[in-house]
All heavy atoms as atom14 arrays in JSON, in Angstrom:
{
  "sequence": "LSAGFVEPLEATGIGLAESAGLLLAAVLPWAGPLDVAARQFNDK",
  "atom14_mask": [
    [1, 1, 1, 1, 1, 1, 1, 1, 0, 0, 0, 0, 0, 0],
    [1, 1, 1, 1, 1, 1, 0, 0, 0, 0, 0, 0, 0, 0],
    [1, 1, 1, 1, 1, 0, 0, 0, 0, 0, 0, 0, 0, 0],
    [1, 1, 1, 1, 0, 0, 0, 0, 0, 0, 0, 0, 0, 0],
    [1, 1, 1, 1, 1, 1, 1, 1, 1, 1, 1, 0, 0, 0],
    [1, 1, 1, 1, 1, 1, 1, 0, 0, 0, 0, 0, 0, 0],
    [1, 1, 1, 1, 1, 1, 1, 1, 1, 0, 0, 0, 0, 0],
    [1, 1, 1, 1, 1, 1, 1, 0, 0, 0, 0, 0, 0, 0],
    [1, 1, 1, 1, 1, 1, 1, 1, 0, 0, 0, 0, 0, 0],
    [1, 1, 1, 1, 1, 1, 1, 1, 1, 0, 0, 0, 0, 0],
    [1, 1, 1, 1, 1, 0, 0, 0, 0, 0, 0, 0, 0, 0],
    [1, 1, 1, 1, 1, 1, 1, 0, 0, 0, 0, 0, 0, 0],
    [1, 1, 1, 1, 0, 0, 0, 0, 0, 0, 0, 0, 0, 0],
    [1, 1, 1, 1, 1, 1, 1, 1, 0, 0, 0, 0, 0, 0],
    [1, 1, 1, 1, 0, 0, 0, 0, 0, 0, 0, 0, 0, 0],
    [1, 1, 1, 1, 1, 1, 1, 1, 0, 0, 0, 0, 0, 0],
    [1, 1, 1, 1, 1, 0, 0, 0, 0, 0, 0, 0, 0, 0],
    [1, 1, 1, 1, 1, 1, 1, 1, 1, 0, 0, 0, 0, 0],
    [1, 1, 1, 1, 1, 1, 0, 0, 0, 0, 0, 0, 0, 0],
    [1, 1, 1, 1, 1, 0, 0, 0, 0, 0, 0, 0, 0, 0],
    [1, 1, 1, 1, 0, 0, 0, 0, 0, 0, 0, 0, 0, 0],
    [1, 1, 1, 1, 1, 1, 1, 1, 0, 0, 0, 0, 0, 0],
    [1, 1, 1, 1, 1, 1, 1, 1, 0, 0, 0, 0, 0, 0],
    [1, 1, 1, 1, 1, 1, 1, 1, 0, 0, 0, 0, 0, 0],
    [1, 1, 1, 1, 1, 0, 0, 0, 0, 0, 0, 0, 0, 0],
    [1, 1, 1, 1, 1, 0, 0, 0, 0, 0, 0, 0, 0, 0],
    [1, 1, 1, 1, 1, 1, 1, 0, 0, 0, 0, 0, 0, 0],
    [1, 1, 1, 1, 1, 1, 1, 1, 0, 0, 0, 0, 0, 0],
    [1, 1, 1, 1, 1, 1, 1, 0, 0, 0, 0, 0, 0, 0],
    [1, 1, 1, 1, 1, 1, 1, 1, 1, 1, 1, 1, 1, 1],
    [1, 1, 1, 1, 1, 0, 0, 0, 0, 0, 0, 0, 0, 0],
    [1, 1, 1, 1, 0, 0, 0, 0, 0, 0, 0, 0, 0, 0],
    [1, 1, 1, 1, 1, 1, 1, 0, 0, 0, 0, 0, 0, 0],
    [1, 1, 1, 1, 1, 1, 1, 1, 0, 0, 0, 0, 0, 0],
    [1, 1, 1, 1, 1, 1, 1, 1, 0, 0, 0, 0, 0, 0],
    [1, 1, 1, 1, 1, 1, 1, 0, 0, 0, 0, 0, 0, 0],
    [1, 1, 1, 1, 1, 0, 0, 0, 0, 0, 0, 0, 0, 0],
    [1, 1, 1, 1, 1, 0, 0, 0, 0, 0, 0, 0, 0, 0],
    [1, 1, 1, 1, 1, 1, 1, 1, 1, 1, 1, 0, 0, 0],
    [1, 1, 1, 1, 1, 1, 1, 1, 1, 0, 0, 0, 0, 0],
    [1, 1, 1, 1, 1, 1, 1, 1, 1, 1, 1, 0, 0, 0],
    [1, 1, 1, 1, 1, 1, 1, 1, 0, 0, 0, 0, 0, 0],
    [1, 1, 1, 1, 1, 1, 1, 1, 0, 0, 0, 0, 0, 0],
    [1, 1, 1, 1, 1, 1, 1, 1, 1, 0, 0, 0, 0, 0]
  ],
  "atom14_positions": [
    [[-0.26, 28.34, 10.21], [0.06, 29.55, 10.9], [-1.14, 30.33, 10.98], [-1.19, 31.37, 11.83], [1.04, 30.29, 10.08], [2.57, 29.57, 9.99], [3.47, 30.3, 9.25], [3.06, 29.39, 11.38], [0.0, 0.0, 0.0], [0.0, 0.0, 0.0], [0.0, 0.0, 0.0], [0.0, 0.0, 0.0], [0.0, 0.0, 0.0], [0.0, 0.0, 0.0]],
    [[-2.12, 30.24, 10.22], [-3.41, 31.02, 10.31], [-4.14, 30.65, 11.58], [-4.9, 31.5, 12.1], [-4.33, 30.74, 9.14], [-4.66, 29.33, 9.01], [0.0, 0.0, 0.0], [0.0, 0.0, 0.0], [0.0, 0.0, 0.0], [0.0, 0.0, 0.0], [0.0, 0.0, 0.0], [0.0, 0.0, 0.0], [0.0, 0.0, 0.0], [0.0, 0.0, 0.0]],
    [[-3.95, 29.37, 12.08], [-4.53, 28.98, 13.38], [-3.8, 29.5, 14.62], [-4.32, 29.78, 15.64], [-4.69, 27.46, 13.35], [0.0, 0.0, 0.0], [0.0, 0.0, 0.0], [0.0, 0.0, 0.0], [0.0, 0.0, 0.0], [0.0, 0.0, 0.0], [0.0, 0.0, 0.0], [0.0, 0.0, 0.0], [0.0, 0.0, 0.0], [0.0, 0.0, 0.0]],
    [[-2.4, 29.45, 14.46], [-1.65, 29.88, 15.52], [-0.21, 29.65, 15.17], [0.18, 28.94, 14.31], [0.0, 0.0, 0.0], [0.0, 0.0, 0.0], [0.0, 0.0, 0.0], [0.0, 0.0, 0.0], [0.0, 0.0, 0.0], [0.0, 0.0, 0.0], [0.0, 0.0, 0.0], [0.0, 0.0, 0.0], [0.0, 0.0, 0.0], [0.0, 0.0, 0.0]],
    [[0.69, 30.09, 16.1], [2.1, 29.96, 15.92], [2.84, 29.66, 17.25], [2.5, 30.35, 18.26], [2.78, 31.33, 15.42], [4.17, 31.17, 15.28], [4.79, 30.47, 14.07], [5.08, 31.78, 16.18], [6.14, 30.43, 13.95], [6.5, 31.68, 15.93], [7.06, 30.98, 14.89], [0.0, 0.0, 0.0], [0.0, 0.0, 0.0], [0.0, 0.0, 0.0]],
    [[3.56, 28.73, 17.33], [4.51, 28.33, 18.44], [5.92, 28.59, 18.02], [6.3, 28.06, 16.93], [4.21, 26.89, 18.89], [5.01, 26.65, 20.17], [2.73, 26.76, 19.27], [0.0, 0.0, 0.0], [0.0, 0.0, 0.0], [0.0, 0.0, 0.0], [0.0, 0.0, 0.0], [0.0, 0.0, 0.0], [0.0, 0.0, 0.0], [0.0, 0.0, 0.0]],
    [[6.6, 29.24, 18.83], [8.16, 29.48, 18.49], [8.76, 28.12, 18.09], [8.31, 27.03, 18.69], [8.78, 30.07, 19.47], [8.91, 29.47, 20.78], [10.29, 29.57, 21.47], [11.26, 29.07, 20.87], [10.32, 30.18, 22.49], [0.0, 0.0, 0.0], [0.0, 0.0, 0.0], [0.0, 0.0, 0.0], [0.0, 0.0, 0.0], [0.0, 0.0, 0.0]],
    [[9.86, 28.0, 17.31], [10.17, 26.75, 16.59], [11.07, 25.84, 17.53], [11.68, 24.88, 17.09], [11.0, 27.16, 15.47], [11.42, 28.58, 15.83], [10.5, 29.17, 16.66], [0.0, 0.0, 0.0], [0.0, 0.0, 0.0], [0.0, 0.0, 0.0], [0.0, 0.0, 0.0], [0.0, 0.0, 0.0], [0.0, 0.0, 0.0], [0.0, 0.0, 0.0]],
    [[11.19, 26.15, 18.94], [12.05, 25.29, 19.77], [11.91, 23.83, 19.67], [12.88, 23.1, 19.71], [11.83, 25.77, 21.23], [12.79, 25.24, 22.17], [14.31, 25.62, 21.86], [12.46, 25.73, 23.65], [0.0, 0.0, 0.0], [0.0, 0.0, 0.0], [0.0, 0.0, 0.0], [0.0, 0.0, 0.0], [0.0, 0.0, 0.0], [0.0, 0.0, 0.0]],
    [[10.69, 23.28, 19.64], [10.49, 22.02, 19.52], [9.86, 21.47, 18.21], [9.29, 20.4, 18.16], [9.59, 21.42, 20.71], [10.32, 21.46, 22.09], [11.22, 20.3, 22.3], [11.37, 19.36, 21.36], [11.88, 20.19, 23.43], [0.0, 0.0, 0.0], [0.0, 0.0, 0.0], [0.0, 0.0, 0.0], [0.0, 0.0, 0.0], [0.0, 0.0, 0.0]],
    [[9.87, 22.33, 17.17], [9.49, 21.95, 15.79], [8.08, 21.39, 15.74], [7.85, 20.4, 15.26], [10.52, 20.86, 15.27], [0.0, 0.0, 0.0], [0.0, 0.0, 0.0], [0.0, 0.0, 0.0], [0.0, 0.0, 0.0], [0.0, 0.0, 0.0], [0.0, 0.0, 0.0], [0.0, 0.0, 0.0], [0.0, 0.0, 0.0], [0.0, 0.0, 0.0]],
    [[7.16, 22.21, 16.31], [5.83, 21.78, 16.35], [4.87, 22.26, 15.33], [3.76, 21.87, 15.16], [5.17, 22.36, 17.71], [5.43, 23.77, 17.88], [5.76, 21.6, 19.04], [0.0, 0.0, 0.0], [0.0, 0.0, 0.0], [0.0, 0.0, 0.0], [0.0, 0.0, 0.0], [0.0, 0.0, 0.0], [0.0, 0.0, 0.0], [0.0, 0.0, 0.0]],
    [[5.49, 23.08, 14.4], [4.65, 23.68, 13.34], [3.98, 22.68, 12.43], [2.74, 22.64, 12.26], [0.0, 0.0, 0.0], [0.0, 0.0, 0.0], [0.0, 0.0, 0.0], [0.0, 0.0, 0.0], [0.0, 0.0, 0.0], [0.0, 0.0, 0.0], [0.0, 0.0, 0.0], [0.0, 0.0, 0.0], [0.0, 0.0, 0.0], [0.0, 0.0, 0.0]],
    [[4.81, 21.67, 11.87], [4.09, 20.76, 11.01], [3.31, 19.78, 11.74], [2.33, 19.29, 11.35], [5.28, 20.01, 10.21], [6.01, 20.9, 9.21], [4.69, 18.85, 9.37], [7.29, 20.31, 8.52], [0.0, 0.0, 0.0], [0.0, 0.0, 0.0], [0.0, 0.0, 0.0], [0.0, 0.0, 0.0], [0.0, 0.0, 0.0], [0.0, 0.0, 0.0]],
    [[3.75, 19.52, 13.0], [3.0, 18.57, 13.83], [1.6, 19.04, 14.09], [0.52, 18.31, 14.16], [0.0, 0.0, 0.0], [0.0, 0.0, 0.0], [0.0, 0.0, 0.0], [0.0, 0.0, 0.0], [0.0, 0.0, 0.0], [0.0, 0.0, 0.0], [0.0, 0.0, 0.0], [0.0, 0.0, 0.0], [0.0, 0.0, 0.0], [0.0, 0.0, 0.0]],
    [[1.47, 20.4, 14.37], [0.14, 20.91, 14.59], [-0.74, 20.89, 13.37], [-1.87, 20.62, 13.49], [0.25, 22.42, 15.02], [0.68, 22.59, 16.56], [1.08, 23.98, 16.75], [-0.56, 22.29, 17.4], [0.0, 0.0, 0.0], [0.0, 0.0, 0.0], [0.0, 0.0, 0.0], [0.0, 0.0, 0.0], [0.0, 0.0, 0.0], [0.0, 0.0, 0.0]],
    [[-0.17, 21.02, 12.11], [-0.97, 20.92, 10.97], [-1.47, 19.47, 10.78], [-2.46, 19.09, 10.34], [-0.08, 21.31, 9.75], [0.0, 0.0, 0.0], [0.0, 0.0, 0.0], [0.0, 0.0, 0.0], [0.0, 0.0, 0.0], [0.0, 0.0, 0.0], [0.0, 0.0, 0.0], [0.0, 0.0, 0.0], [0.0, 0.0, 0.0], [0.0, 0.0, 0.0]],
    [[-0.51, 18.54, 11.17], [-0.87, 17.04, 11.08], [-2.02, 16.81, 12.02], [-2.95, 16.17, 11.66], [0.36, 16.17, 11.59], [1.46, 16.06, 10.63], [2.54, 15.33, 11.34], [2.41, 14.1, 11.38], [3.6, 15.87, 11.79], [0.0, 0.0, 0.0], [0.0, 0.0, 0.0], [0.0, 0.0, 0.0], [0.0, 0.0, 0.0], [0.0, 0.0, 0.0]],
    [[-1.92, 17.19, 13.21], [-2.95, 17.09, 14.27], [-4.36, 17.53, 13.78], [-5.34, 16.99, 13.97], [-2.54, 17.74, 15.59], [-1.38, 17.11, 16.11], [0.0, 0.0, 0.0], [0.0, 0.0, 0.0], [0.0, 0.0, 0.0], [0.0, 0.0, 0.0], [0.0, 0.0, 0.0], [0.0, 0.0, 0.0], [0.0, 0.0, 0.0], [0.0, 0.0, 0.0]],
    [[-4.29, 18.8, 13.24], [-5.5, 19.54, 12.82], [-6.06, 18.71, 11.51], [-7.43, 18.45, 11.63], [-5.19, 20.92, 12.44], [0.0, 0.0, 0.0], [0.0, 0.0, 0.0], [0.0, 0.0, 0.0], [0.0, 0.0, 0.0], [0.0, 0.0, 0.0], [0.0, 0.0, 0.0], [0.0, 0.0, 0.0], [0.0, 0.0, 0.0], [0.0, 0.0, 0.0]],
    [[-5.3, 18.23, 10.69], [-5.85, 17.45, 9.6], [-6.46, 16.17, 9.98], [-7.44, 15.69, 9.63], [0.0, 0.0, 0.0], [0.0, 0.0, 0.0], [0.0, 0.0, 0.0], [0.0, 0.0, 0.0], [0.0, 0.0, 0.0], [0.0, 0.0, 0.0], [0.0, 0.0, 0.0], [0.0, 0.0, 0.0], [0.0, 0.0, 0.0], [0.0, 0.0, 0.0]],
    [[-5.79, 15.45, 10.95], [-6.25, 14.15, 11.6], [-7.49, 14.35, 12.28], [-8.55, 13.64, 12.14], [-5.19, 13.6, 12.44], [-5.46, 12.27, 13.05], [-4.08, 11.45, 13.26], [-6.16, 12.33, 14.4], [0.0, 0.0, 0.0], [0.0, 0.0, 0.0], [0.0, 0.0, 0.0], [0.0, 0.0, 0.0], [0.0, 0.0, 0.0], [0.0, 0.0, 0.0]],
    [[-7.59, 15.46, 13.11], [-8.88, 15.71, 13.87], [-9.98, 16.06, 12.96], [-11.15, 15.61, 13.1], [-8.54, 16.84, 14.82], [-9.74, 17.23, 15.83], [-10.14, 16.02, 16.54], [-9.19, 18.27, 16.82], [0.0, 0.0, 0.0], [0.0, 0.0, 0.0], [0.0, 0.0, 0.0], [0.0, 0.0, 0.0], [0.0, 0.0, 0.0], [0.0, 0.0, 0.0]],
    [[-9.69, 16.89, 11.99], [-10.84, 17.25, 11.07], [-11.36, 16.14, 10.3], [-12.54, 16.04, 10.22], [-10.21, 18.36, 10.0], [-11.17, 18.72, 8.98], [-12.35, 19.42, 9.54], [-10.46, 19.75, 8.03], [0.0, 0.0, 0.0], [0.0, 0.0, 0.0], [0.0, 0.0, 0.0], [0.0, 0.0, 0.0], [0.0, 0.0, 0.0], [0.0, 0.0, 0.0]],
    [[-10.49, 15.22, 9.78], [-10.96, 14.04, 9.12], [-11.86, 13.14, 10.13], [-12.78, 12.53, 9.53], [-9.8, 13.14, 8.62], [0.0, 0.0, 0.0], [0.0, 0.0, 0.0], [0.0, 0.0, 0.0], [0.0, 0.0, 0.0], [0.0, 0.0, 0.0], [0.0, 0.0, 0.0], [0.0, 0.0, 0.0], [0.0, 0.0, 0.0], [0.0, 0.0, 0.0]],
    [[-11.46, 13.11, 11.39], [-12.13, 12.23, 12.3], [-13.49, 12.84, 12.71], [-14.48, 12.04, 12.93], [-11.28, 12.07, 13.55], [0.0, 0.0, 0.0], [0.0, 0.0, 0.0], [0.0, 0.0, 0.0], [0.0, 0.0, 0.0], [0.0, 0.0, 0.0], [0.0, 0.0, 0.0], [0.0, 0.0, 0.0], [0.0, 0.0, 0.0], [0.0, 0.0, 0.0]],
    [[-13.61, 14.16, 12.9], [-15.0, 14.68, 13.32], [-15.86, 15.23, 12.34], [-17.0, 15.56, 12.46], [-14.65, 15.94, 14.33], [-13.83, 15.37, 15.55], [-14.01, 17.05, 13.67], [0.0, 0.0, 0.0], [0.0, 0.0, 0.0], [0.0, 0.0, 0.0], [0.0, 0.0, 0.0], [0.0, 0.0, 0.0], [0.0, 0.0, 0.0], [0.0, 0.0, 0.0]],
    [[-15.25, 15.31, 10.95], [-16.07, 15.94, 9.89], [-17.4, 15.1, 9.76], [-17.4, 14.04, 9.32], [-15.25, 15.8, 8.65], [-15.9, 16.56, 7.39], [-15.92, 18.11, 7.64], [-15.13, 16.3, 6.11], [0.0, 0.0, 0.0], [0.0, 0.0, 0.0], [0.0, 0.0, 0.0], [0.0, 0.0, 0.0], [0.0, 0.0, 0.0], [0.0, 0.0, 0.0]],
    [[-18.51, 15.81, 9.7], [-19.83, 15.22, 9.37], [-19.97, 15.27, 7.91], [-20.01, 16.31, 7.28], [-20.81, 16.01, 10.21], [-20.25, 17.36, 10.19], [-18.69, 17.18, 10.25], [0.0, 0.0, 0.0], [0.0, 0.0, 0.0], [0.0, 0.0, 0.0], [0.0, 0.0, 0.0], [0.0, 0.0, 0.0], [0.0, 0.0, 0.0], [0.0, 0.0, 0.0]],
    [[-20.23, 14.1, 7.24], [-20.48, 14.2, 5.84], [-21.91, 14.68, 5.55], [-22.2, 14.97, 4.41], [-20.39, 12.71, 5.31], [-18.94, 12.19, 5.16], [-18.08, 12.13, 6.23], [-18.23, 11.84, 4.07], [-16.86, 11.64, 5.88], [-16.91, 11.4, 4.49], [-18.5, 11.66, 2.79], [-15.89, 10.98, 3.62], [-17.48, 11.28, 1.82], [-16.22, 10.97, 2.26]],
    [[-22.63, 14.72, 6.53], [-24.14, 15.24, 6.38], [-24.39, 15.87, 7.63], [-23.92, 15.61, 8.64], [-25.02, 14.19, 6.01], [0.0, 0.0, 0.0], [0.0, 0.0, 0.0], [0.0, 0.0, 0.0], [0.0, 0.0, 0.0], [0.0, 0.0, 0.0], [0.0, 0.0, 0.0], [0.0, 0.0, 0.0], [0.0, 0.0, 0.0], [0.0, 0.0, 0.0]],
    [[-25.43, 16.87, 7.64], [-25.9, 17.6, 8.84], [-25.13, 18.79, 9.18], [-24.19, 19.13, 8.41], [0.0, 0.0, 0.0], [0.0, 0.0, 0.0], [0.0, 0.0, 0.0], [0.0, 0.0, 0.0], [0.0, 0.0, 0.0], [0.0, 0.0, 0.0], [0.0, 0.0, 0.0], [0.0, 0.0, 0.0], [0.0, 0.0, 0.0], [0.0, 0.0, 0.0]],
    [[-25.44, 19.47, 10.25], [-24.77, 20.67, 10.65], [-23.26, 20.47, 11.1], [-22.92, 19.38, 11.45], [-25.65, 21.31, 11.83], [-26.26, 19.94, 12.39], [-26.51, 19.03, 11.29], [0.0, 0.0, 0.0], [0.0, 0.0, 0.0], [0.0, 0.0, 0.0], [0.0, 0.0, 0.0], [0.0, 0.0, 0.0], [0.0, 0.0, 0.0], [0.0, 0.0, 0.0]],
    [[-22.57, 21.64, 10.99], [-21.13, 21.55, 11.26], [-20.83, 22.03, 12.71], [-19.71, 21.83, 13.25], [-20.33, 22.47, 10.34], [-20.44, 22.2, 8.79], [-19.7, 23.26, 8.18], [-19.87, 20.83, 8.6], [0.0, 0.0, 0.0], [0.0, 0.0, 0.0], [0.0, 0.0, 0.0], [0.0, 0.0, 0.0], [0.0, 0.0, 0.0], [0.0, 0.0, 0.0]],
    [[-21.78, 22.59, 13.4], [-21.41, 23.25, 14.63], [-21.01, 22.29, 15.82], [-20.03, 22.67, 16.61], [-22.62, 24.02, 15.12], [-23.92, 23.38, 15.28], [-24.02, 22.27, 14.63], [-24.84, 23.79, 15.99], [0.0, 0.0, 0.0], [0.0, 0.0, 0.0], [0.0, 0.0, 0.0], [0.0, 0.0, 0.0], [0.0, 0.0, 0.0], [0.0, 0.0, 0.0]],
    [[-21.54, 21.08, 15.76], [-21.04, 20.14, 16.86], [-19.73, 19.78, 16.63], [-18.82, 19.65, 17.53], [-22.1, 18.91, 16.94], [-21.55, 17.85, 17.82], [-23.54, 19.36, 17.23], [0.0, 0.0, 0.0], [0.0, 0.0, 0.0], [0.0, 0.0, 0.0], [0.0, 0.0, 0.0], [0.0, 0.0, 0.0], [0.0, 0.0, 0.0], [0.0, 0.0, 0.0]],
    [[-19.44, 19.43, 15.4], [-17.97, 18.96, 15.06], [-17.02, 20.21, 15.28], [-15.91, 20.01, 15.74], [-17.91, 18.63, 13.63], [0.0, 0.0, 0.0], [0.0, 0.0, 0.0], [0.0, 0.0, 0.0], [0.0, 0.0, 0.0], [0.0, 0.0, 0.0], [0.0, 0.0, 0.0], [0.0, 0.0, 0.0], [0.0, 0.0, 0.0], [0.0, 0.0, 0.0]],
    [[-17.4, 21.31, 14.99], [-16.64, 22.61, 15.07], [-16.29, 22.79, 16.61], [-15.15, 23.12, 17.09], [-17.22, 23.76, 14.58], [0.0, 0.0, 0.0], [0.0, 0.0, 0.0], [0.0, 0.0, 0.0], [0.0, 0.0, 0.0], [0.0, 0.0, 0.0], [0.0, 0.0, 0.0], [0.0, 0.0, 0.0], [0.0, 0.0, 0.0], [0.0, 0.0, 0.0]],
    [[-17.29, 22.64, 17.52], [-16.97, 22.79, 19.01], [-15.97, 21.67, 19.47], [-15.1, 22.17, 20.26], [-18.38, 22.66, 19.79], [-19.19, 23.9, 19.71], [-20.3, 23.86, 20.83], [-21.17, 22.71, 20.63], [-22.24, 22.65, 19.98], [-22.63, 23.7, 19.27], [-23.03, 21.57, 19.99], [0.0, 0.0, 0.0], [0.0, 0.0, 0.0], [0.0, 0.0, 0.0]],
    [[-16.14, 20.5, 19.04], [-15.08, 19.49, 19.43], [-13.81, 19.79, 18.98], [-12.75, 19.63, 19.59], [-15.61, 18.08, 19.09], [-14.76, 16.96, 19.61], [-15.2, 15.66, 19.1], [-16.12, 15.46, 18.14], [-14.82, 14.59, 19.78], [0.0, 0.0, 0.0], [0.0, 0.0, 0.0], [0.0, 0.0, 0.0], [0.0, 0.0, 0.0], [0.0, 0.0, 0.0]],
    [[-13.7, 20.19, 17.65], [-12.36, 20.49, 17.08], [-11.73, 21.66, 17.77], [-10.55, 21.7, 18.12], [-12.59, 20.89, 15.58], [-11.46, 21.28, 14.76], [-10.71, 20.19, 14.1], [-10.91, 22.54, 14.78], [-9.6, 20.51, 13.39], [-9.75, 22.91, 14.07], [-9.08, 21.83, 13.31], [0.0, 0.0, 0.0], [0.0, 0.0, 0.0], [0.0, 0.0, 0.0]],
    [[-12.49, 22.67, 18.09], [-11.96, 23.87, 18.82], [-11.45, 23.53, 20.08], [-10.38, 23.99, 20.54], [-12.98, 25.06, 18.81], [-13.23, 25.7, 17.41], [-12.27, 25.68, 16.62], [-14.45, 26.17, 17.19], [0.0, 0.0, 0.0], [0.0, 0.0, 0.0], [0.0, 0.0, 0.0], [0.0, 0.0, 0.0], [0.0, 0.0, 0.0], [0.0, 0.0, 0.0]],
    [[-12.19, 22.7, 20.79], [-11.81, 22.33, 22.26], [-10.54, 21.65, 22.19], [-9.63, 21.86, 22.9], [-12.94, 21.58, 22.8], [-12.55, 21.08, 24.21], [-12.33, 21.82, 25.1], [-12.41, 19.85, 24.33], [0.0, 0.0, 0.0], [0.0, 0.0, 0.0], [0.0, 0.0, 0.0], [0.0, 0.0, 0.0], [0.0, 0.0, 0.0], [0.0, 0.0, 0.0]],
    [[-10.43, 20.61, 21.35], [-9.18, 19.74, 21.33], [-7.99, 20.55, 20.78], [-6.9, 20.44, 21.3], [-9.4, 18.51, 20.44], [-10.32, 17.5, 21.19], [-10.39, 16.15, 20.46], [-11.09, 15.14, 21.33], [-10.52, 14.76, 22.64], [0.0, 0.0, 0.0], [0.0, 0.0, 0.0], [0.0, 0.0, 0.0], [0.0, 0.0, 0.0], [0.0, 0.0, 0.0]]
  ]
}
């Protein structure tokens, strides 16, 4: 909910958290700057 809220008609709340966690794990750089990963995360 800190990222955003969609009314509960299609029960997307938990799904958005799942998507964000999956995307974060995929783009997270274990080393180096964060800004490139952040841009991709924000866009998606």
